[in-house]
Amino acid sequence: MLNLISLITGAVALLIALVGILPIPLLPLVNWIAFPIAVIGLVFGILSSGTSGRNLNILVLVISGLRLMLTGGLI
């Protein structure tokens, strides 16, 4: 059950992070929303016995974290 919750939160965070990759001004700020959602999903993924939810949330954290790091966290 926890793995399913982790997968759902990871999918939501991934959709938000993919929108944040677009180079439209101020739109990458949504990565600040995707990052905490992925952290919550990662916690559920760590607590579950499956690994797919955890891996998805790690991927989202890497994507949104790199985007925030490359742009200084602002734009």
PDB file of N, CA and C in Angstrom:
ATOM      1  N   MET A   1       0.818  -1.191   0.000  1.00  0.00           N
ATOM      2  CA  MET A   1       0.000   0.000   0.000  1.00  0.00           C
ATOM      3  C   MET A   1       0.868   1.265   0.000  1.00  0.00           C
ATOM      4  N   LEU A   2       1.941   1.247   0.788  1.00  0.00           N
ATOM      5  CA  LEU A   2       2.817   2.416   0.829  1.00  0.00           C
ATOM      6  C   LEU A   2       3.519   2.635  -0.511  1.00  0.00           C
ATOM      7  N   ASN A   3       3.822   1.539  -1.207  1.00  0.00           N
ATOM      8  CA  ASN A   3       4.462   1.673  -2.514  1.00  0.00           C
ATOM      9  C   ASN A   3       3.511   2.328  -3.511  1.00  0.00           C
ATOM     10  N   LEU A   4       2.236   2.013  -3.438  1.00  0.00           N
ATOM     11  CA  LEU A   4       1.245   2.631  -4.315  1.00  0.00           C
ATOM     12  C   LEU A   4       1.128   4.129  -4.025  1.00  0.00           C
ATOM     13  N   ILE A   5       1.121   4.504  -2.761  1.00  0.00           N
ATOM     14  CA  ILE A   5       1.084   5.917  -2.395  1.00  0.00           C
ATOM     15  C   ILE A   5       2.329   6.622  -2.912  1.00  0.00           C
ATOM     16  N   SER A   6       3.471   5.958  -2.790  1.00  0.00           N
ATOM     17  CA  SER A   6       4.726   6.520  -3.273  1.00  0.00           C
ATOM     18  C   SER A   6       4.711   6.688  -4.786  1.00  0.00           C
ATOM     19  N   LEU A   7       4.164   5.721  -5.502  1.00  0.00           N
ATOM     20  CA  LEU A   7       4.073   5.831  -6.957  1.00  0.00           C
ATOM     21  C   LEU A   7       3.157   6.974  -7.381  1.00  0.00           C
ATOM     22  N   ILE A   8       2.044   7.136  -6.690  1.00  0.00           N
ATOM     23  CA  ILE A   8       1.096   8.198  -7.037  1.00  0.00           C
ATOM     24  C   ILE A   8       1.715   9.569  -6.775  1.00  0.00           C
ATOM     25  N   THR A   9       2.346   9.744  -5.616  1.00  0.00           N
ATOM     26  CA  THR A   9       2.972  11.034  -5.336  1.00  0.00           C
ATOM     27  C   THR A   9       4.146  11.289  -6.277  1.00  0.00           C
ATOM     28  N   GLY A  10       4.859  10.238  -6.653  1.00  0.00           N
ATOM     29  CA  GLY A  10       5.952  10.388  -7.607  1.00  0.00           C
ATOM     30  C   GLY A  10       5.461  10.795  -8.986  1.00  0.00           C
ATOM     31  N   ALA A  11       4.337  10.227  -9.414  1.00  0.00           N
ATOM     32  CA  ALA A  11       3.778  10.582 -10.720  1.00  0.00           C
ATOM     33  C   ALA A  11       3.302  12.035 -10.737  1.00  0.00           C
ATOM     34  N   VAL A  12       2.674  12.467  -9.657  1.00  0.00           N
ATOM     35  CA  VAL A  12       2.226  13.859  -9.570  1.00  0.00           C
ATOM     36  C   VAL A  12       3.429  14.802  -9.578  1.00  0.00           C
ATOM     37  N   ALA A  13       4.448  14.469  -8.800  1.00  0.00           N
ATOM     38  CA  ALA A  13       5.642  15.303  -8.748  1.00  0.00           C
ATOM     39  C   ALA A  13       6.374  15.320 -10.087  1.00  0.00           C
ATOM     40  N   LEU A  14       6.365  14.190 -10.797  1.00  0.00           N
ATOM     41  CA  LEU A  14       7.015  14.135 -12.106  1.00  0.00           C
ATOM     42  C   LEU A  14       6.308  15.026 -13.113  1.00  0.00           C
ATOM     43  N   LEU A  15       4.992  15.020 -13.106  1.00  0.00           N
ATOM     44  CA  LEU A  15       4.246  15.906 -14.007  1.00  0.00           C
ATOM     45  C   LEU A  15       4.536  17.370 -13.709  1.00  0.00           C
ATOM     46  N   ILE A  16       4.590  17.706 -12.439  1.00  0.00           N
ATOM     47  CA  ILE A  16       4.890  19.091 -12.073  1.00  0.00           C
ATOM     48  C   ILE A  16       6.313  19.451 -12.468  1.00  0.00           C
ATOM     49  N   ALA A  17       7.252  18.532 -12.252  1.00  0.00           N
ATOM     50  CA  ALA A  17       8.661  18.801 -12.584  1.00  0.00           C
ATOM     51  C   ALA A  17       8.860  18.929 -14.088  1.00  0.00           C
ATOM     52  N   LEU A  18       8.133  18.142 -14.866  1.00  0.00           N
ATOM     53  CA  LEU A  18       8.271  18.248 -16.319  1.00  0.00           C
ATOM     54  C   LEU A  18       7.735  19.577 -16.836  1.00  0.00           C
ATOM     55  N   VAL A  19       6.704  20.093 -16.199  1.00  0.00           N
ATOM     56  CA  VAL A  19       6.212  21.426 -16.564  1.00  0.00           C
ATOM     57  C   VAL A  19       7.258  22.473 -16.201  1.00  0.00           C
ATOM     58  N   GLY A  20       7.962  22.266 -15.100  1.00  0.00           N
ATOM     59  CA  GLY A  20       8.968  23.208 -14.650  1.00  0.00           C
ATOM     60  C   GLY A  20      10.220  23.232 -15.498  1.00  0.00           C
ATOM     61  N   ILE A  21      10.402  22.269 -16.376  1.00  0.00           N
ATOM     62  CA  ILE A  21      11.574  22.242 -17.249  1.00  0.00           C
ATOM     63  C   ILE A  21      11.425  23.225 -18.412  1.00  0.00           C
ATOM     64  N   LEU A  22      10.204  23.562 -18.766  1.00  0.00           N
ATOM     65  CA  LEU A  22       9.972  24.473 -19.884  1.00  0.00           C
ATOM     66  C   LEU A  22      10.636  25.824 -19.643  1.00  0.00           C
ATOM     67  N   PRO A  23      11.270  26.384 -20.667  1.00  0.00           N
ATOM     68  CA  PRO A  23      12.006  27.642 -20.469  1.00  0.00           C
ATOM     69  C   PRO A  23      11.145  28.903 -20.544  1.00  0.00           C
ATOM     70  N   ILE A  24       9.964  28.862 -20.004  1.00  0.00           N
ATOM     71  CA  ILE A  24       9.090  30.029 -19.945  1.00  0.00           C
ATOM     72  C   ILE A  24       9.403  30.776 -18.647  1.00  0.00           C
ATOM     73  N   PRO A  25       9.527  32.085 -18.670  1.00  0.00           N
ATOM     74  CA  PRO A  25       9.890  32.825 -17.462  1.00  0.00           C
ATOM     75  C   PRO A  25       8.957  32.536 -16.288  1.00  0.00           C
ATOM     76  N   LEU A  26       9.545  32.347 -15.136  1.00  0.00           N
ATOM     77  CA  LEU A  26       8.898  32.085 -13.855  1.00  0.00           C
ATOM     78  C   LEU A  26       8.195  30.731 -13.774  1.00  0.00           C
ATOM     79  N   LEU A  27       8.093  29.978 -14.839  1.00  0.00           N
ATOM     80  CA  LEU A  27       7.477  28.654 -14.775  1.00  0.00           C
ATOM     81  C   LEU A  27       8.367  27.632 -14.075  1.00  0.00           C
ATOM     82  N   PRO A  28       9.688  27.723 -14.157  1.00  0.00           N
ATOM     83  CA  PRO A  28      10.521  26.765 -13.418  1.00  0.00           C
ATOM     84  C   PRO A  28      10.390  26.859 -11.904  1.00  0.00           C
ATOM     85  N   LEU A  29       9.728  27.878 -11.403  1.00  0.00           N
ATOM     86  CA  LEU A  29       9.514  27.962  -9.963  1.00  0.00           C
ATOM     87  C   LEU A  29       8.618  26.841  -9.442  1.00  0.00           C
ATOM     88  N   VAL A  30       7.878  26.169 -10.313  1.00  0.00           N
ATOM     89  CA  VAL A  30       7.046  25.056  -9.863  1.00  0.00           C
ATOM     90  C   VAL A  30       7.896  23.874  -9.407  1.00  0.00           C
ATOM     91  N   ASN A  31       9.196  23.893  -9.715  1.00  0.00           N
ATOM     92  CA  ASN A  31      10.071  22.844  -9.187  1.00  0.00           C
ATOM     93  C   ASN A  31      10.187  22.936  -7.671  1.00  0.00           C
ATOM     94  N   TRP A  32       9.950  24.126  -7.116  1.00  0.00           N
ATOM     95  CA  TRP A  32       9.912  24.262  -5.664  1.00  0.00           C
ATOM     96  C   TRP A  32       8.689  23.557  -5.085  1.00  0.00           C
ATOM     97  N   ILE A  33       7.682  23.301  -5.901  1.00  0.00           N
ATOM     98  CA  ILE A  33       6.507  22.533  -5.467  1.00  0.00           C
ATOM     99  C   ILE A  33       6.763  21.040  -5.663  1.00  0.00           C
ATOM    100  N   ALA A  34       7.404  20.682  -6.772  1.00  0.00           N
ATOM    101  CA  ALA A  34       7.645  19.279  -7.078  1.00  0.00           C
ATOM    102  C   ALA A  34       8.648  18.646  -6.118  1.00  0.00           C
ATOM    103  N   PHE A  35       9.632  19.411  -5.677  1.00  0.00           N
ATOM    104  CA  PHE A  35      10.690  18.864  -4.827  1.00  0.00           C
ATOM    105  C   PHE A  35      10.150  18.334  -3.493  1.00  0.00           C
ATOM    106  N   PRO A  36       9.362  19.106  -2.732  1.00  0.00           N
ATOM    107  CA  PRO A  36       8.850  18.557  -1.464  1.00  0.00           C
ATOM    108  C   PRO A  36       7.861  17.415  -1.654  1.00  0.00           C
ATOM    109  N   ILE A  37       7.092  17.446  -2.735  1.00  0.00           N
ATOM    110  CA  ILE A  37       6.172  16.338  -3.000  1.00  0.00           C
ATOM    111  C   ILE A  37       6.965  15.057  -3.238  1.00  0.00           C
ATOM    112  N   ALA A  38       8.068  15.162  -3.975  1.00  0.00           N
ATOM    113  CA  ALA A  38       8.909  13.993  -4.228  1.00  0.00           C
ATOM    114  C   ALA A  38       9.590  13.509  -2.952  1.00  0.00           C
ATOM    115  N   VAL A  39       9.923  14.421  -2.058  1.00  0.00           N
ATOM    116  CA  VAL A  39      10.526  14.007  -0.781  1.00  0.00           C
ATOM    117  C   VAL A  39       9.518  13.217   0.049  1.00  0.00           C
ATOM    118  N   ILE A  40       8.271  13.673   0.062  1.00  0.00           N
ATOM    119  CA  ILE A  40       7.223  12.946   0.789  1.00  0.00           C
ATOM    120  C   ILE A  40       7.021  11.566   0.162  1.00  0.00           C
ATOM    121  N   GLY A  41       6.990  11.511  -1.164  1.00  0.00           N
ATOM    122  CA  GLY A  41       6.867  10.219  -1.837  1.00  0.00           C
ATOM    123  C   GLY A  41       8.055   9.316  -1.574  1.00  0.00           C
ATOM    124  N   LEU A  42       9.239   9.904  -1.458  1.00  0.00           N
ATOM    125  CA  LEU A  42      10.433   9.118  -1.157  1.00  0.00           C
ATOM    126  C   LEU A  42      10.346   8.503   0.239  1.00  0.00           C
ATOM    127  N   VAL A  43       9.806   9.244   1.180  1.00  0.00           N
ATOM    128  CA  VAL A  43       9.643   8.698   2.534  1.00  0.00           C
ATOM    129  C   VAL A  43       8.699   7.500   2.504  1.00  0.00           C
ATOM    130  N   PHE A  44       7.582   7.621   1.783  1.00  0.00           N
ATOM    131  CA  PHE A  44       6.672   6.480   1.663  1.00  0.00           C
ATOM    132  C   PHE A  44       7.348   5.320   0.938  1.00  0.00           C
ATOM    133  N   GLY A  45       8.173   5.623  -0.063  1.00  0.00           N
ATOM    134  CA  GLY A  45       8.877   4.580  -0.794  1.00  0.00           C
ATOM    135  C   GLY A  45       9.904   3.860   0.054  1.00  0.00           C
ATOM    136  N   ILE A  46      10.559   4.584   0.943  1.00  0.00           N
ATOM    137  CA  ILE A  46      11.529   3.954   1.837  1.00  0.00           C
ATOM    138  C   ILE A  46      10.823   3.049   2.839  1.00  0.00           C
ATOM    139  N   LEU A  47       9.659   3.462   3.297  1.00  0.00           N
ATOM    140  CA  LEU A  47       8.919   2.665   4.272  1.00  0.00           C
ATOM    141  C   LEU A  47       8.254   1.434   3.663  1.00  0.00           C
ATOM    142  N   SER A  48       8.079   1.400   2.340  1.00  0.00           N
ATOM    143  CA  SER A  48       7.405   0.273   1.706  1.00  0.00           C
ATOM    144  C   SER A  48       8.399  -0.839   1.393  1.00  0.00           C
ATOM    145  N   SER A  49       7.855  -1.996   1.060  1.00  0.00           N
ATOM    146  CA  SER A  49       8.717  -3.133   0.725  1.00  0.00           C
ATOM    147  C   SER A  49       9.141  -3.108  -0.741  1.00  0.00           C
ATOM    148  N   GLY A  50       8.402  -2.403  -1.591  1.00  0.00           N
ATOM    149  CA  GLY A  50       8.751  -2.302  -3.004  1.00  0.00           C
ATOM    150  C   GLY A  50       9.743  -1.180  -3.251  1.00  0.00           C
ATOM    151  N   THR A  51      10.372  -1.228  -4.418  1.00  0.00           N
ATOM    152  CA  THR A  51      11.385  -0.218  -4.712  1.00  0.00           C
ATOM    153  C   THR A  51      10.995   0.706  -5.866  1.00  0.00           C
ATOM    154  N   SER A  52       9.937   0.411  -6.572  1.00  0.00           N
ATOM    155  CA  SER A  52       9.608   1.216  -7.754  1.00  0.00           C
ATOM    156  C   SER A  52       9.187   2.630  -7.382  1.00  0.00           C
ATOM    157  N   GLY A  53       8.423   2.806  -6.329  1.00  0.00           N
ATOM    158  CA  GLY A  53       8.017   4.145  -5.902  1.00  0.00           C
ATOM    159  C   GLY A  53       9.200   4.959  -5.419  1.00  0.00           C
ATOM    160  N   ARG A  54      10.087   4.314  -4.680  1.00  0.00           N
ATOM    161  CA  ARG A  54      11.289   5.004  -4.205  1.00  0.00           C
ATOM    162  C   ARG A  54      12.150   5.465  -5.372  1.00  0.00           C
ATOM    163  N   ASN A  55      12.336   4.595  -6.359  1.00  0.00           N
ATOM    164  CA  ASN A  55      13.166   4.935  -7.512  1.00  0.00           C
ATOM    165  C   ASN A  55      12.556   6.063  -8.337  1.00  0.00           C
ATOM    166  N   LEU A  56      11.244   6.070  -8.492  1.00  0.00           N
ATOM    167  CA  LEU A  56      10.583   7.140  -9.234  1.00  0.00           C
ATOM    168  C   LEU A  56      10.775   8.482  -8.536  1.00  0.00           C
ATOM    169  N   ASN A  57      10.645   8.489  -7.233  1.00  0.00           N
ATOM    170  CA  ASN A  57      10.799   9.741  -6.492  1.00  0.00           C
ATOM    171  C   ASN A  57      12.245  10.214  -6.493  1.00  0.00           C
ATOM    172  N   ILE A  58      13.201   9.303  -6.488  1.00  0.00           N
ATOM    173  CA  ILE A  58      14.602   9.700  -6.606  1.00  0.00           C
ATOM    174  C   ILE A  58      14.846  10.346  -7.967  1.00  0.00           C
ATOM    175  N   LEU A  59      14.249   9.794  -9.017  1.00  0.00           N
ATOM    176  CA  LEU A  59      14.376  10.373 -10.354  1.00  0.00           C
ATOM    177  C   LEU A  59      13.800  11.789 -10.394  1.00  0.00           C
ATOM    178  N   VAL A  60      12.641  11.986  -9.794  1.00  0.00           N
ATOM    179  CA  VAL A  60      12.023  13.309  -9.770  1.00  0.00           C
ATOM    180  C   VAL A  60      12.876  14.284  -8.965  1.00  0.00           C
ATOM    181  N   LEU A  61      13.443  13.830  -7.859  1.00  0.00           N
ATOM    182  CA  LEU A  61      14.318  14.690  -7.068  1.00  0.00           C
ATOM    183  C   LEU A  61      15.550  15.111  -7.853  1.00  0.00           C
ATOM    184  N   VAL A  62      16.097  14.200  -8.631  1.00  0.00           N
ATOM    185  CA  VAL A  62      17.265  14.531  -9.443  1.00  0.00           C
ATOM    186  C   VAL A  62      16.895  15.543 -10.525  1.00  0.00           C
ATOM    187  N   ILE A  63      15.777  15.321 -11.205  1.00  0.00           N
ATOM    188  CA  ILE A  63      15.347  16.225 -12.281  1.00  0.00           C
ATOM    189  C   ILE A  63      15.074  17.625 -11.739  1.00  0.00           C
ATOM    190  N   SER A  64      14.252  17.716 -10.712  1.00  0.00           N
ATOM    191  CA  SER A  64      13.904  19.039 -10.201  1.00  0.00           C
ATOM    192  C   SER A  64      15.085  19.672  -9.465  1.00  0.00           C
ATOM    193  N   GLY A  65      15.896  18.879  -8.798  1.00  0.00           N
ATOM    194  CA  GLY A  65      17.063  19.420  -8.120  1.00  0.00           C
ATOM    195  C   GLY A  65      18.090  19.981  -9.090  1.00  0.00           C
ATOM    196  N   LEU A  66      18.326  19.277 -10.193  1.00  0.00           N
ATOM    197  CA  LEU A  66      19.248  19.784 -11.200  1.00  0.00           C
ATOM    198  C   LEU A  66      18.732  21.067 -11.827  1.00  0.00           C
ATOM    199  N   ARG A  67      17.447  21.121 -12.098  1.00  0.00           N
ATOM    200  CA  ARG A  67      16.867  22.322 -12.691  1.00  0.00           C
ATOM    201  C   ARG A  67      16.983  23.512 -11.741  1.00  0.00           C
ATOM    202  N   LEU A  68      16.734  23.274 -10.471  1.00  0.00           N
ATOM    203  CA  LEU A  68      16.877  24.347  -9.491  1.00  0.00           C
ATOM    204  C   LEU A  68      18.329  24.770  -9.330  1.00  0.00           C
ATOM    205  N   MET A  69      19.241  23.801  -9.359  1.00  0.00           N
ATOM    206  CA  MET A  69      20.651  24.100  -9.182  1.00  0.00           C
ATOM    207  C   MET A  69      21.215  24.865 -10.379  1.00  0.00           C
ATOM    208  N   LEU A  70      20.823  24.485 -11.580  1.00  0.00           N
ATOM    209  CA  LEU A  70      21.349  25.129 -12.777  1.00  0.00           C
ATOM    210  C   LEU A  70      20.868  26.569 -12.917  1.00  0.00           C
ATOM    211  N   THR A  71      19.702  26.855 -12.418  1.00  0.00           N
ATOM    212  CA  THR A  71      19.162  28.212 -12.579  1.00  0.00           C
ATOM    213  C   THR A  71      19.272  29.033 -11.297  1.00  0.00           C
ATOM    214  N   GLY A  72      19.963  28.540 -10.312  1.00  0.00           N
ATOM    215  CA  GLY A  72      20.099  29.282  -9.079  1.00  0.00           C
ATOM    216  C   GLY A  72      18.846  29.256  -8.230  1.00  0.00           C
ATOM    217  N   GLY A  73      17.898  28.423  -8.559  1.00  0.00           N
ATOM    218  CA  GLY A  73      16.676  28.293  -7.789  1.00  0.00           C
ATOM    219  C   GLY A  73      15.620  29.319  -8.064  1.00  0.00           C
ATOM    220  N   LEU A  74      15.864  30.193  -9.024  1.00  0.00           N
ATOM    221  CA  LEU A  74      14.894  31.259  -9.260  1.00  0.00           C
ATOM    222  C   LEU A  74      14.155  31.124 -10.576  1.00  0.00           C
ATOM    223  N   ILE A  75      14.865  31.143 -11.687  1.00  0.00           N
ATOM    224  CA  ILE A  75      14.181  31.166 -12.969  1.00  0.00           C
ATOM    225  C   ILE A  75      14.567  29.954 -13.781  1.00  0.00           C
TER     226      ILE A  75
END
